[in-house]
Amino acid sequence: MSSNQAPMNPVLERALAASAAGNAAEAIALFQQAALEQPASGVPHFLLGAEYATLGQVDLAEQSFSQAVLLAPEWAIPRYQLGLLQFSAGRASTALLTWQPLLALGEESPLPHWVRGFAALAGDAFDQARAHFEAGLERNTEHPPMSADIRLVLGRLDALAQNAVAPVPAAPPAETEQPDEEAAHVLLSNYQQQGPVH
């Protein structure tokens, strides 16, 4: 954690309590207050972004994660989450640029492995992607929710593989713009429209 991340203050503690109690409006207001009180800290922005992401407010989540990365560029978790939002929104190239510094973290960290997994996914190298994702899972001992996200991706890859070996209809409906196996993947349907990213 970087020097930009001050110890937890009472406002952030109240915000986290409000979030845990399901009071999103109060939590957001308190995270915003904490950000004003700690203008050099990325922590309030990161937590605010997580709250927005939980609510499905992706644009606001991305703004908050971006601010956290600007204030604490060496803090890996907000950078990873920002890239994940960008990748999921179909902006694989942007995500890979956001993630680029994470590749220097070392082999013991799960994040470089996951970044390589998403890079392989963006290039349609599904077997390679799976190997990288699984290597990251083996190394992640600190952030179980992040592993849950990766397991979801692996589950979608499994569905994709099953659809790929299923019999193909002789005459698919004309209105279908993408193959079913693309639509089966939570991320593929967005980023594949842009073509592989290398």
N, C-alpha and C. Protein backbone atom coordinates (compact mmCIF):
# COMPACT_ATOMS: atom_id res chain seq x y z
N MET A 1 0.84 -1.19 0.00
CA MET A 1 0.00 0.00 0.00
C MET A 1 0.88 1.24 0.00
N SER A 2 0.50 2.26 -0.69
CA SER A 2 1.37 3.40 -0.90
C SER A 2 1.26 4.41 0.22
N SER A 3 2.19 5.38 0.18
CA SER A 3 2.17 6.44 1.17
C SER A 3 0.98 7.36 0.98
N ASN A 4 0.34 7.29 -0.20
CA ASN A 4 -0.83 8.11 -0.44
C ASN A 4 -2.05 7.59 0.31
N GLN A 5 -1.94 6.41 0.87
CA GLN A 5 -3.08 5.79 1.53
C GLN A 5 -2.93 5.95 3.03
N ALA A 6 -3.61 6.92 3.57
CA ALA A 6 -3.54 7.20 5.00
C ALA A 6 -4.29 6.13 5.78
N PRO A 7 -3.99 6.00 7.08
CA PRO A 7 -4.76 5.06 7.89
C PRO A 7 -6.25 5.39 7.84
N MET A 8 -7.07 4.38 8.09
CA MET A 8 -8.52 4.54 8.04
C MET A 8 -8.97 5.62 9.00
N ASN A 9 -9.76 6.56 8.49
CA ASN A 9 -10.25 7.62 9.37
C ASN A 9 -11.70 7.34 9.75
N PRO A 10 -12.22 8.06 10.74
CA PRO A 10 -13.59 7.77 11.21
C PRO A 10 -14.66 7.88 10.13
N VAL A 11 -14.49 8.83 9.21
CA VAL A 11 -15.48 8.98 8.15
C VAL A 11 -15.51 7.73 7.26
N LEU A 12 -14.32 7.22 6.93
CA LEU A 12 -14.27 6.01 6.11
C LEU A 12 -14.85 4.82 6.87
N GLU A 13 -14.60 4.75 8.16
CA GLU A 13 -15.16 3.67 8.95
C GLU A 13 -16.68 3.72 8.93
N ARG A 14 -17.24 4.91 9.05
CA ARG A 14 -18.70 5.07 8.99
C ARG A 14 -19.22 4.72 7.60
N ALA A 15 -18.46 5.09 6.58
CA ALA A 15 -18.87 4.79 5.20
C ALA A 15 -18.90 3.29 4.97
N LEU A 16 -17.87 2.60 5.46
CA LEU A 16 -17.82 1.15 5.29
C LEU A 16 -18.95 0.48 6.06
N ALA A 17 -19.26 1.00 7.23
CA ALA A 17 -20.37 0.44 8.01
C ALA A 17 -21.69 0.64 7.28
N ALA A 18 -21.87 1.83 6.69
CA ALA A 18 -23.09 2.10 5.94
C ALA A 18 -23.19 1.18 4.73
N SER A 19 -22.06 0.96 4.05
CA SER A 19 -22.05 0.07 2.90
C SER A 19 -22.42 -1.35 3.31
N ALA A 20 -21.82 -1.81 4.41
CA ALA A 20 -22.10 -3.17 4.89
C ALA A 20 -23.57 -3.33 5.28
N ALA A 21 -24.19 -2.24 5.74
CA ALA A 21 -25.59 -2.28 6.14
C ALA A 21 -26.54 -2.11 4.95
N GLY A 22 -25.97 -1.92 3.77
CA GLY A 22 -26.80 -1.77 2.58
C GLY A 22 -27.31 -0.36 2.35
N ASN A 23 -26.77 0.61 3.07
CA ASN A 23 -27.20 2.00 2.90
C ASN A 23 -26.25 2.68 1.92
N ALA A 24 -26.48 2.45 0.65
CA ALA A 24 -25.55 2.92 -0.38
C ALA A 24 -25.48 4.44 -0.44
N ALA A 25 -26.61 5.11 -0.31
CA ALA A 25 -26.62 6.57 -0.42
C ALA A 25 -25.76 7.19 0.67
N GLU A 26 -25.90 6.70 1.89
CA GLU A 26 -25.08 7.22 2.99
C GLU A 26 -23.61 6.89 2.78
N ALA A 27 -23.34 5.67 2.35
CA ALA A 27 -21.96 5.26 2.12
C ALA A 27 -21.30 6.16 1.07
N ILE A 28 -22.00 6.41 -0.03
CA ILE A 28 -21.44 7.25 -1.09
C ILE A 28 -21.16 8.65 -0.57
N ALA A 29 -22.10 9.21 0.17
CA ALA A 29 -21.90 10.55 0.70
C ALA A 29 -20.69 10.60 1.62
N LEU A 30 -20.52 9.57 2.44
CA LEU A 30 -19.40 9.55 3.37
C LEU A 30 -18.08 9.31 2.65
N PHE A 31 -18.07 8.45 1.64
CA PHE A 31 -16.84 8.26 0.86
C PHE A 31 -16.45 9.57 0.17
N GLN A 32 -17.44 10.29 -0.34
CA GLN A 32 -17.16 11.58 -0.98
C GLN A 32 -16.62 12.58 0.03
N GLN A 33 -17.19 12.57 1.23
CA GLN A 33 -16.69 13.46 2.29
C GLN A 33 -15.25 13.11 2.64
N ALA A 34 -14.96 11.83 2.76
CA ALA A 34 -13.59 11.41 3.08
C ALA A 34 -12.62 11.83 1.99
N ALA A 35 -13.06 11.76 0.73
CA ALA A 35 -12.19 12.17 -0.37
C ALA A 35 -11.86 13.65 -0.28
N LEU A 36 -12.83 14.46 0.14
CA LEU A 36 -12.57 15.90 0.32
C LEU A 36 -11.63 16.14 1.49
N GLU A 37 -11.76 15.35 2.55
CA GLU A 37 -10.93 15.54 3.74
C GLU A 37 -9.52 15.00 3.55
N GLN A 38 -9.35 14.05 2.63
CA GLN A 38 -8.04 13.44 2.37
C GLN A 38 -7.72 13.57 0.88
N PRO A 39 -7.47 14.78 0.41
CA PRO A 39 -7.33 14.99 -1.04
C PRO A 39 -6.14 14.28 -1.67
N ALA A 40 -5.15 13.89 -0.88
CA ALA A 40 -3.97 13.22 -1.43
C ALA A 40 -4.08 11.70 -1.36
N SER A 41 -5.17 11.19 -0.80
CA SER A 41 -5.31 9.74 -0.61
C SER A 41 -6.17 9.12 -1.70
N GLY A 42 -5.72 7.98 -2.20
CA GLY A 42 -6.51 7.24 -3.17
C GLY A 42 -7.56 6.36 -2.53
N VAL A 43 -7.46 6.14 -1.21
CA VAL A 43 -8.34 5.18 -0.55
C VAL A 43 -9.83 5.53 -0.68
N PRO A 44 -10.25 6.77 -0.36
CA PRO A 44 -11.69 7.06 -0.48
C PRO A 44 -12.22 6.87 -1.90
N HIS A 45 -11.41 7.24 -2.88
CA HIS A 45 -11.84 7.09 -4.28
C HIS A 45 -11.97 5.62 -4.65
N PHE A 46 -11.02 4.80 -4.19
CA PHE A 46 -11.09 3.38 -4.46
C PHE A 46 -12.35 2.77 -3.84
N LEU A 47 -12.60 3.09 -2.59
CA LEU A 47 -13.78 2.54 -1.91
C LEU A 47 -15.07 3.05 -2.53
N LEU A 48 -15.06 4.31 -2.95
CA LEU A 48 -16.23 4.87 -3.63
C LEU A 48 -16.46 4.13 -4.95
N GLY A 49 -15.37 3.87 -5.67
CA GLY A 49 -15.49 3.13 -6.92
C GLY A 49 -16.06 1.74 -6.71
N ALA A 50 -15.62 1.09 -5.63
CA ALA A 50 -16.15 -0.24 -5.33
C ALA A 50 -17.63 -0.18 -5.01
N GLU A 51 -18.05 0.87 -4.32
CA GLU A 51 -19.48 1.03 -4.00
C GLU A 51 -20.29 1.23 -5.27
N TYR A 52 -19.80 2.10 -6.15
CA TYR A 52 -20.49 2.33 -7.42
C TYR A 52 -20.55 1.04 -8.25
N ALA A 53 -19.44 0.29 -8.27
CA ALA A 53 -19.42 -0.95 -9.04
C ALA A 53 -20.45 -1.94 -8.51
N THR A 54 -20.57 -2.02 -7.19
CA THR A 54 -21.56 -2.90 -6.58
C THR A 54 -22.97 -2.52 -7.01
N LEU A 55 -23.20 -1.22 -7.19
CA LEU A 55 -24.51 -0.73 -7.59
C LEU A 55 -24.74 -0.81 -9.09
N GLY A 56 -23.71 -1.22 -9.83
CA GLY A 56 -23.84 -1.30 -11.28
C GLY A 56 -23.66 0.02 -11.99
N GLN A 57 -23.16 1.03 -11.29
CA GLN A 57 -22.93 2.35 -11.89
C GLN A 57 -21.50 2.39 -12.42
N VAL A 58 -21.32 1.77 -13.58
CA VAL A 58 -19.99 1.48 -14.08
C VAL A 58 -19.21 2.75 -14.41
N ASP A 59 -19.86 3.74 -15.02
CA ASP A 59 -19.16 4.96 -15.39
C ASP A 59 -18.61 5.67 -14.16
N LEU A 60 -19.43 5.78 -13.12
CA LEU A 60 -18.97 6.43 -11.90
C LEU A 60 -17.89 5.61 -11.21
N ALA A 61 -18.03 4.29 -11.26
CA ALA A 61 -17.00 3.43 -10.70
C ALA A 61 -15.67 3.64 -11.40
N GLU A 62 -15.72 3.72 -12.71
CA GLU A 62 -14.48 3.91 -13.48
C GLU A 62 -13.84 5.26 -13.14
N GLN A 63 -14.66 6.29 -13.01
CA GLN A 63 -14.12 7.61 -12.64
C GLN A 63 -13.42 7.56 -11.29
N SER A 64 -14.04 6.89 -10.34
CA SER A 64 -13.46 6.82 -9.00
C SER A 64 -12.19 5.99 -8.97
N PHE A 65 -12.20 4.84 -9.64
CA PHE A 65 -10.99 4.02 -9.71
C PHE A 65 -9.87 4.79 -10.42
N SER A 66 -10.23 5.53 -11.46
CA SER A 66 -9.22 6.32 -12.18
C SER A 66 -8.58 7.34 -11.26
N GLN A 67 -9.40 7.99 -10.44
CA GLN A 67 -8.87 8.98 -9.50
C GLN A 67 -7.95 8.31 -8.48
N ALA A 68 -8.33 7.14 -8.02
CA ALA A 68 -7.48 6.41 -7.08
C ALA A 68 -6.13 6.08 -7.71
N VAL A 69 -6.15 5.67 -8.98
CA VAL A 69 -4.91 5.34 -9.67
C VAL A 69 -4.05 6.58 -9.88
N LEU A 70 -4.68 7.70 -10.19
CA LEU A 70 -3.92 8.95 -10.35
C LEU A 70 -3.23 9.35 -9.05
N LEU A 71 -3.94 9.18 -7.94
CA LEU A 71 -3.38 9.59 -6.65
C LEU A 71 -2.38 8.57 -6.11
N ALA A 72 -2.55 7.32 -6.44
CA ALA A 72 -1.68 6.26 -5.92
C ALA A 72 -1.34 5.30 -7.07
N PRO A 73 -0.52 5.75 -8.02
CA PRO A 73 -0.29 4.95 -9.22
C PRO A 73 0.37 3.60 -8.95
N GLU A 74 1.07 3.48 -7.82
CA GLU A 74 1.74 2.21 -7.52
C GLU A 74 0.85 1.23 -6.75
N TRP A 75 -0.37 1.66 -6.40
CA TRP A 75 -1.30 0.80 -5.67
C TRP A 75 -1.96 -0.12 -6.67
N ALA A 76 -1.67 -1.42 -6.57
CA ALA A 76 -2.04 -2.37 -7.62
C ALA A 76 -3.53 -2.64 -7.71
N ILE A 77 -4.23 -2.73 -6.59
CA ILE A 77 -5.62 -3.20 -6.61
C ILE A 77 -6.54 -2.23 -7.38
N PRO A 78 -6.50 -0.92 -7.11
CA PRO A 78 -7.36 -0.03 -7.92
C PRO A 78 -7.02 -0.09 -9.41
N ARG A 79 -5.74 -0.21 -9.72
CA ARG A 79 -5.35 -0.29 -11.13
C ARG A 79 -5.93 -1.55 -11.78
N TYR A 80 -5.87 -2.65 -11.06
CA TYR A 80 -6.43 -3.89 -11.60
C TYR A 80 -7.94 -3.76 -11.78
N GLN A 81 -8.63 -3.22 -10.78
CA GLN A 81 -10.09 -3.09 -10.86
C GLN A 81 -10.50 -2.14 -11.98
N LEU A 82 -9.73 -1.06 -12.15
CA LEU A 82 -10.02 -0.13 -13.25
C LEU A 82 -9.91 -0.85 -14.59
N GLY A 83 -8.83 -1.60 -14.77
CA GLY A 83 -8.67 -2.33 -16.02
C GLY A 83 -9.75 -3.36 -16.24
N LEU A 84 -10.18 -3.99 -15.16
CA LEU A 84 -11.24 -4.99 -15.27
C LEU A 84 -12.54 -4.36 -15.77
N LEU A 85 -12.87 -3.18 -15.24
CA LEU A 85 -14.05 -2.47 -15.72
C LEU A 85 -13.91 -2.12 -17.20
N GLN A 86 -12.73 -1.64 -17.57
CA GLN A 86 -12.51 -1.25 -18.97
C GLN A 86 -12.61 -2.47 -19.89
N PHE A 87 -12.01 -3.57 -19.48
CA PHE A 87 -12.06 -4.78 -20.30
C PHE A 87 -13.50 -5.27 -20.44
N SER A 88 -14.22 -5.28 -19.34
CA SER A 88 -15.60 -5.76 -19.35
C SER A 88 -16.50 -4.87 -20.19
N ALA A 89 -16.12 -3.59 -20.33
CA ALA A 89 -16.90 -2.65 -21.13
C ALA A 89 -16.53 -2.72 -22.61
N GLY A 90 -15.65 -3.65 -22.98
CA GLY A 90 -15.30 -3.80 -24.38
C GLY A 90 -14.13 -2.97 -24.84
N ARG A 91 -13.37 -2.43 -23.87
CA ARG A 91 -12.21 -1.60 -24.23
C ARG A 91 -10.94 -2.32 -23.81
N ALA A 92 -10.68 -3.45 -24.49
CA ALA A 92 -9.54 -4.28 -24.13
C ALA A 92 -8.21 -3.55 -24.26
N SER A 93 -8.05 -2.76 -25.31
CA SER A 93 -6.78 -2.05 -25.51
C SER A 93 -6.51 -1.09 -24.35
N THR A 94 -7.55 -0.36 -23.94
CA THR A 94 -7.40 0.56 -22.82
C THR A 94 -7.06 -0.18 -21.53
N ALA A 95 -7.74 -1.30 -21.33
CA ALA A 95 -7.49 -2.10 -20.12
C ALA A 95 -6.05 -2.59 -20.08
N LEU A 96 -5.55 -3.08 -21.21
CA LEU A 96 -4.19 -3.61 -21.23
C LEU A 96 -3.17 -2.51 -20.97
N LEU A 97 -3.44 -1.30 -21.42
CA LEU A 97 -2.56 -0.17 -21.09
C LEU A 97 -2.63 0.16 -19.60
N THR A 98 -3.83 0.17 -19.06
CA THR A 98 -3.99 0.42 -17.62
C THR A 98 -3.22 -0.61 -16.81
N TRP A 99 -3.29 -1.87 -17.24
CA TRP A 99 -2.68 -2.97 -16.50
C TRP A 99 -1.17 -3.08 -16.70
N GLN A 100 -0.61 -2.43 -17.70
CA GLN A 100 0.78 -2.66 -18.07
C GLN A 100 1.74 -2.60 -16.86
N PRO A 101 1.62 -1.63 -15.95
CA PRO A 101 2.55 -1.61 -14.80
C PRO A 101 2.43 -2.83 -13.90
N LEU A 102 1.30 -3.51 -13.92
CA LEU A 102 1.12 -4.68 -13.06
C LEU A 102 2.01 -5.85 -13.49
N LEU A 103 2.46 -5.85 -14.74
CA LEU A 103 3.31 -6.93 -15.22
C LEU A 103 4.66 -6.95 -14.52
N ALA A 104 5.03 -5.84 -13.88
CA ALA A 104 6.32 -5.75 -13.19
C ALA A 104 6.24 -6.21 -11.73
N LEU A 105 5.09 -6.68 -11.29
CA LEU A 105 4.94 -7.02 -9.88
C LEU A 105 5.69 -8.27 -9.47
N GLY A 106 6.00 -9.14 -10.39
CA GLY A 106 6.71 -10.37 -10.05
C GLY A 106 5.79 -11.58 -10.11
N GLU A 107 6.41 -12.73 -10.28
CA GLU A 107 5.66 -13.96 -10.50
C GLU A 107 4.87 -14.41 -9.28
N GLU A 108 5.23 -13.93 -8.09
CA GLU A 108 4.52 -14.36 -6.88
C GLU A 108 3.16 -13.69 -6.76
N SER A 109 2.95 -12.59 -7.45
CA SER A 109 1.66 -11.89 -7.42
C SER A 109 0.71 -12.52 -8.43
N PRO A 110 -0.58 -12.62 -8.08
CA PRO A 110 -1.53 -13.16 -9.06
C PRO A 110 -1.82 -12.20 -10.20
N LEU A 111 -1.63 -10.90 -9.96
CA LEU A 111 -2.10 -9.92 -10.94
C LEU A 111 -1.42 -10.00 -12.30
N PRO A 112 -0.09 -10.15 -12.38
CA PRO A 112 0.50 -10.28 -13.72
C PRO A 112 -0.03 -11.49 -14.48
N HIS A 113 -0.29 -12.57 -13.77
CA HIS A 113 -0.82 -13.76 -14.43
C HIS A 113 -2.22 -13.49 -14.98
N TRP A 114 -3.03 -12.80 -14.19
CA TRP A 114 -4.38 -12.49 -14.66
C TRP A 114 -4.36 -11.51 -15.82
N VAL A 115 -3.46 -10.54 -15.77
CA VAL A 115 -3.34 -9.60 -16.89
C VAL A 115 -2.95 -10.36 -18.16
N ARG A 116 -1.99 -11.27 -18.03
CA ARG A 116 -1.61 -12.07 -19.22
C ARG A 116 -2.79 -12.93 -19.68
N GLY A 117 -3.60 -13.40 -18.72
CA GLY A 117 -4.78 -14.17 -19.09
C GLY A 117 -5.76 -13.35 -19.90
N PHE A 118 -6.01 -12.12 -19.47
CA PHE A 118 -6.93 -11.27 -20.23
C PHE A 118 -6.34 -10.88 -21.58
N ALA A 119 -5.01 -10.68 -21.63
CA ALA A 119 -4.38 -10.37 -22.92
C ALA A 119 -4.55 -11.55 -23.88
N ALA A 120 -4.38 -12.76 -23.37
CA ALA A 120 -4.59 -13.94 -24.22
C ALA A 120 -6.05 -14.06 -24.63
N LEU A 121 -6.96 -13.76 -23.72
CA LEU A 121 -8.38 -13.80 -24.03
C LEU A 121 -8.71 -12.81 -25.15
N ALA A 122 -8.11 -11.64 -25.08
CA ALA A 122 -8.35 -10.62 -26.11
C ALA A 122 -7.84 -11.07 -27.47
N GLY A 123 -6.87 -12.00 -27.48
CA GLY A 123 -6.36 -12.53 -28.73
C GLY A 123 -6.97 -13.87 -29.11
N ASP A 124 -8.06 -14.24 -28.40
CA ASP A 124 -8.77 -15.50 -28.66
C ASP A 124 -7.92 -16.73 -28.37
N ALA A 125 -6.87 -16.59 -27.56
CA ALA A 125 -6.03 -17.74 -27.18
C ALA A 125 -6.57 -18.30 -25.88
N PHE A 126 -7.66 -19.06 -25.98
CA PHE A 126 -8.40 -19.45 -24.79
C PHE A 126 -7.64 -20.42 -23.88
N ASP A 127 -6.91 -21.37 -24.47
CA ASP A 127 -6.15 -22.30 -23.64
C ASP A 127 -5.04 -21.57 -22.88
N GLN A 128 -4.38 -20.67 -23.56
CA GLN A 128 -3.33 -19.88 -22.91
C GLN A 128 -3.94 -19.00 -21.82
N ALA A 129 -5.09 -18.41 -22.09
CA ALA A 129 -5.76 -17.57 -21.09
C ALA A 129 -6.07 -18.39 -19.85
N ARG A 130 -6.61 -19.59 -20.05
CA ARG A 130 -6.95 -20.44 -18.90
C ARG A 130 -5.71 -20.74 -18.06
N ALA A 131 -4.59 -21.05 -18.70
CA ALA A 131 -3.37 -21.37 -17.96
C ALA A 131 -2.92 -20.18 -17.11
N HIS A 132 -2.98 -18.98 -17.67
CA HIS A 132 -2.60 -17.78 -16.91
C HIS A 132 -3.57 -17.52 -15.76
N PHE A 133 -4.86 -17.64 -16.03
CA PHE A 133 -5.85 -17.41 -14.97
C PHE A 133 -5.65 -18.39 -13.81
N GLU A 134 -5.42 -19.64 -14.15
CA GLU A 134 -5.24 -20.65 -13.10
C GLU A 134 -3.95 -20.42 -12.32
N ALA A 135 -2.90 -19.97 -13.01
CA ALA A 135 -1.65 -19.66 -12.32
C ALA A 135 -1.86 -18.53 -11.32
N GLY A 136 -2.65 -17.54 -11.69
CA GLY A 136 -2.96 -16.45 -10.77
C GLY A 136 -3.78 -16.92 -9.59
N LEU A 137 -4.74 -17.79 -9.84
CA LEU A 137 -5.57 -18.32 -8.75
C LEU A 137 -4.71 -19.03 -7.71
N GLU A 138 -3.72 -19.77 -8.16
CA GLU A 138 -2.83 -20.49 -7.24
C GLU A 138 -2.06 -19.54 -6.34
N ARG A 139 -1.83 -18.32 -6.80
CA ARG A 139 -1.00 -17.37 -6.06
C ARG A 139 -1.82 -16.37 -5.23
N ASN A 140 -3.12 -16.33 -5.43
CA ASN A 140 -3.93 -15.33 -4.73
C ASN A 140 -4.38 -15.85 -3.37
N THR A 141 -3.78 -15.32 -2.33
CA THR A 141 -4.15 -15.70 -0.96
C THR A 141 -4.74 -14.53 -0.18
N GLU A 142 -4.72 -13.33 -0.75
CA GLU A 142 -5.11 -12.14 0.01
C GLU A 142 -6.47 -11.59 -0.38
N HIS A 143 -6.95 -11.85 -1.59
CA HIS A 143 -8.16 -11.20 -2.09
C HIS A 143 -9.12 -12.23 -2.69
N PRO A 144 -9.84 -12.98 -1.85
CA PRO A 144 -10.76 -14.01 -2.37
C PRO A 144 -11.78 -13.50 -3.38
N PRO A 145 -12.36 -12.29 -3.20
CA PRO A 145 -13.34 -11.84 -4.21
C PRO A 145 -12.75 -11.73 -5.61
N MET A 146 -11.46 -11.39 -5.69
CA MET A 146 -10.84 -11.29 -7.00
C MET A 146 -10.72 -12.66 -7.64
N SER A 147 -10.45 -13.68 -6.82
CA SER A 147 -10.43 -15.04 -7.35
C SER A 147 -11.81 -15.46 -7.83
N ALA A 148 -12.84 -15.01 -7.12
CA ALA A 148 -14.21 -15.35 -7.54
C ALA A 148 -14.50 -14.78 -8.92
N ASP A 149 -14.03 -13.57 -9.19
CA ASP A 149 -14.21 -12.97 -10.51
C ASP A 149 -13.54 -13.83 -11.59
N ILE A 150 -12.31 -14.28 -11.30
CA ILE A 150 -11.58 -15.08 -12.28
C ILE A 150 -12.26 -16.43 -12.49
N ARG A 151 -12.79 -17.01 -11.42
CA ARG A 151 -13.50 -18.29 -11.57
C ARG A 151 -14.74 -18.12 -12.44
N LEU A 152 -15.38 -16.95 -12.35
CA LEU A 152 -16.52 -16.66 -13.22
C LEU A 152 -16.07 -16.65 -14.68
N VAL A 153 -14.94 -16.01 -14.94
CA VAL A 153 -14.41 -15.98 -16.30
C VAL A 153 -14.10 -17.40 -16.78
N LEU A 154 -13.48 -18.19 -15.91
CA LEU A 154 -13.17 -19.57 -16.29
C LEU A 154 -14.45 -20.36 -16.58
N GLY A 155 -15.49 -20.11 -15.79
CA GLY A 155 -16.76 -20.78 -16.03
C GLY A 155 -17.33 -20.40 -17.39
N ARG A 156 -17.17 -19.14 -17.76
CA ARG A 156 -17.65 -18.71 -19.08
C ARG A 156 -16.82 -19.34 -20.19
N LEU A 157 -15.52 -19.50 -19.93
CA LEU A 157 -14.67 -20.18 -20.92
C LEU A 157 -15.12 -21.63 -21.10
N ASP A 158 -15.51 -22.27 -19.99
CA ASP A 158 -16.01 -23.64 -20.08
C ASP A 158 -17.28 -23.68 -20.94
N ALA A 159 -18.18 -22.72 -20.71
CA ALA A 159 -19.41 -22.67 -21.51
C ALA A 159 -19.09 -22.43 -22.98
N LEU A 160 -18.11 -21.58 -23.22
CA LEU A 160 -17.70 -21.29 -24.59
C LEU A 160 -17.18 -22.55 -25.28
N ALA A 161 -16.35 -23.31 -24.54
CA ALA A 161 -15.79 -24.54 -25.12
C ALA A 161 -16.89 -25.55 -25.41
N GLN A 162 -17.87 -25.67 -24.52
CA GLN A 162 -18.97 -26.61 -24.73
C GLN A 162 -19.79 -26.21 -25.95
N ASN A 163 -20.05 -24.93 -26.11
CA ASN A 163 -20.80 -24.46 -27.26
C ASN A 163 -20.03 -24.67 -28.56
N ALA A 164 -18.70 -24.59 -28.46
CA ALA A 164 -17.88 -24.72 -29.66
C ALA A 164 -17.92 -26.13 -30.22
N VAL A 165 -18.13 -27.13 -29.34
CA VAL A 165 -18.16 -28.50 -29.83
C VAL A 165 -19.59 -28.99 -30.07
N ALA A 166 -20.58 -28.17 -29.76
CA ALA A 166 -21.97 -28.56 -30.00
C ALA A 166 -22.25 -28.54 -31.50
N PRO A 167 -23.20 -29.34 -31.95
CA PRO A 167 -23.55 -29.33 -33.38
C PRO A 167 -24.00 -27.94 -33.82
N VAL A 168 -23.54 -27.55 -34.98
CA VAL A 168 -23.88 -26.22 -35.51
C VAL A 168 -25.10 -26.36 -36.39
N PRO A 169 -26.14 -25.53 -36.17
CA PRO A 169 -27.32 -25.60 -37.04
C PRO A 169 -26.95 -25.35 -38.50
N ALA A 170 -27.63 -26.04 -39.41
CA ALA A 170 -27.31 -25.89 -40.82
C ALA A 170 -27.61 -24.48 -41.32
N ALA A 171 -28.66 -23.86 -40.77
CA ALA A 171 -29.04 -22.52 -41.22
C ALA A 171 -29.32 -21.65 -40.00
N PRO A 172 -28.30 -21.00 -39.46
CA PRO A 172 -28.53 -20.13 -38.31
C PRO A 172 -29.42 -18.96 -38.69
N PRO A 173 -30.18 -18.44 -37.74
CA PRO A 173 -31.07 -17.32 -38.05
C PRO A 173 -30.30 -16.15 -38.62
N ALA A 174 -30.87 -15.50 -39.62
CA ALA A 174 -30.18 -14.41 -40.29
C ALA A 174 -29.95 -13.23 -39.37
N GLU A 175 -30.85 -13.06 -38.39
CA GLU A 175 -30.72 -11.88 -37.55
C GLU A 175 -29.63 -12.01 -36.49
N THR A 176 -29.03 -13.21 -36.35
CA THR A 176 -27.98 -13.39 -35.36
C THR A 176 -26.69 -12.75 -35.87
N GLU A 177 -26.21 -11.75 -35.16
CA GLU A 177 -25.02 -11.03 -35.61
C GLU A 177 -23.75 -11.66 -35.08
N GLN A 178 -23.82 -12.38 -33.95
CA GLN A 178 -22.64 -13.00 -33.37
C GLN A 178 -22.93 -14.47 -33.13
N PRO A 179 -21.91 -15.34 -33.25
CA PRO A 179 -22.12 -16.75 -32.91
C PRO A 179 -22.51 -16.91 -31.45
N ASP A 180 -23.28 -17.97 -31.18
CA ASP A 180 -23.72 -18.21 -29.80
C ASP A 180 -22.56 -18.33 -28.85
N GLU A 181 -21.45 -18.94 -29.32
CA GLU A 181 -20.32 -19.13 -28.41
C GLU A 181 -19.69 -17.81 -28.00
N GLU A 182 -19.80 -16.79 -28.83
CA GLU A 182 -19.31 -15.47 -28.42
C GLU A 182 -20.23 -14.88 -27.36
N ALA A 183 -21.52 -14.98 -27.60
CA ALA A 183 -22.47 -14.40 -26.66
C ALA A 183 -22.43 -15.10 -25.31
N ALA A 184 -21.96 -16.35 -25.29
CA ALA A 184 -21.93 -17.11 -24.05
C ALA A 184 -20.91 -16.57 -23.07
N HIS A 185 -19.93 -15.84 -23.56
CA HIS A 185 -18.88 -15.35 -22.68
C HIS A 185 -19.21 -13.96 -22.18
N VAL A 186 -19.06 -13.76 -20.88
CA VAL A 186 -19.44 -12.49 -20.27
C VAL A 186 -18.65 -11.32 -20.83
N LEU A 187 -17.44 -11.59 -21.34
CA LEU A 187 -16.60 -10.52 -21.85
C LEU A 187 -16.49 -10.53 -23.37
N LEU A 188 -16.57 -11.72 -23.98
CA LEU A 188 -16.31 -11.82 -25.41
C LEU A 188 -17.25 -10.98 -26.24
N SER A 189 -18.52 -10.92 -25.86
CA SER A 189 -19.50 -10.28 -26.72
C SER A 189 -19.17 -8.81 -26.93
N ASN A 190 -18.47 -8.21 -25.99
CA ASN A 190 -18.09 -6.80 -26.15
C ASN A 190 -16.78 -6.65 -26.91
N TYR A 191 -15.71 -7.26 -26.40
CA TYR A 191 -14.41 -6.91 -26.94
C TYR A 191 -14.13 -7.53 -28.29
N GLN A 192 -14.78 -8.65 -28.63
CA GLN A 192 -14.45 -9.28 -29.91
C GLN A 192 -14.90 -8.43 -31.09
N GLN A 193 -15.81 -7.50 -30.85
CA GLN A 193 -16.24 -6.63 -31.94
C GLN A 193 -15.08 -5.77 -32.41
N GLN A 194 -14.09 -5.56 -31.52
CA GLN A 194 -12.96 -4.71 -31.87
C GLN A 194 -11.84 -5.48 -32.56
N GLY A 195 -11.93 -6.80 -32.55
CA GLY A 195 -10.88 -7.62 -33.10
C GLY A 195 -9.85 -7.95 -32.04
N PRO A 196 -8.99 -8.93 -32.29
CA PRO A 196 -7.97 -9.32 -31.32
C PRO A 196 -7.03 -8.16 -30.99
N VAL A 197 -6.60 -8.14 -29.76
CA VAL A 197 -5.67 -7.12 -29.29
C VAL A 197 -4.37 -7.82 -28.94
N HIS A 198 -3.28 -7.40 -29.53
CA HIS A 198 -1.99 -8.07 -29.29
C HIS A 198 -1.02 -7.11 -28.64
